[in-house]
Amino acid sequence: MPRPPRSPSAPPQSFLWTRRVVLTFLTAFALLPVYVMVSSSVKPLQDVSGKFQWIPSRLTIRPYFDIWNTVPLARYFLNSLIVAGAATVLSVVIAVFAAYAVSRYRFRGRRVFTITVLSTQMFPGILFLLPLFLIFVNIGNSTGIALYGSRGGLILTYLTFSLPFSIWMLIGYFDSIPRDLDEAAMVDGCGPLGALFRVVVPAAVPGIVAVAVYAFMTAWGEVLFASVMTNDVTRTLSVGLKGYATQNDVYWNQVMAASLVVSVPVVAGFLLLQRYLVAGLTAGAVK
């Protein structure tokens, strides 16, 4: 059966083959580290410590049981879940109110506020490490509220990272929602908060989901502040994984197994919310 004639607007064959080659290379480049992690996690420690073998000669699932005993991984997992979850909820709630106010109302200093919020993303996080440390220590000495070494202090720290970008992205998303919806809700008897929760928030679900995913991923994998602002009790996963390295040896198979286990919540959440995430980022980036 003869092939149908090519459309004049169709890309040339050379472009199609180039795209296939590039995409194949990028896919292999992205999946290669994952394969190394998976294969190393099911090897005995002797095989991982020796010369790397692409095809394991011996397979074992023992590292997936040992990771819970070598270090208190369950406690680290719980700490990360509480800190990341609380930081995500607070970021979404505060960002929704702030973005709605900036998007729907005109007030003095509105543009300055928006520029200030966005400009905070230009500074590296390490610049805030010492100031936050001193603030938390001084607050604890003067008021008795223990922020340093606590989950609450780490949650406040992560808010300083995720909140500015969350506000900025939701402002762009709220601007894309017609104001006629707000006016129609107010005509029906809703106040500003009623219009926000009954009309704007349901229409902005993709943008809110994108903000939530960004805030959660920022808090879940952060290392610098978690290594300074936590102690043995409040330590999170990103810092606790270094416990698999002792003075005598490094349990590489357990490190790989633990890395795969702690990645499950983020990967699963991203796959489930991918549709909302793409829609939220696209609508929030283009006004």
Foldseek 3Di string as FASTA:
>chain_A
DDDDDDDPPDDDPVVVVVVVVVVVVVVCVVCVVVLVLVQLLQAPQVQNPDDDDSHDPHGHNVLLVCLCVLFVQVLQAVLLCVLLVVLLVVLLVVLLVLLLCLQPDDDPCSVVVLVVLVVLQVDDPVVCQVVLVVVQVVCCVPPVDRLFADSNVLSVSLNSVLNSVLNLLVNLLLNVDDCVQLVVVVVVPDDPVRSSVVPRCVVLVLQSLLSSLVSSVSSNQDDDNLVGRHDSNSRHDNPRLCSQQDPVGHRSSSSSSSVVVSCVVSVVSCVVSVVSNVVSNVSSVHD
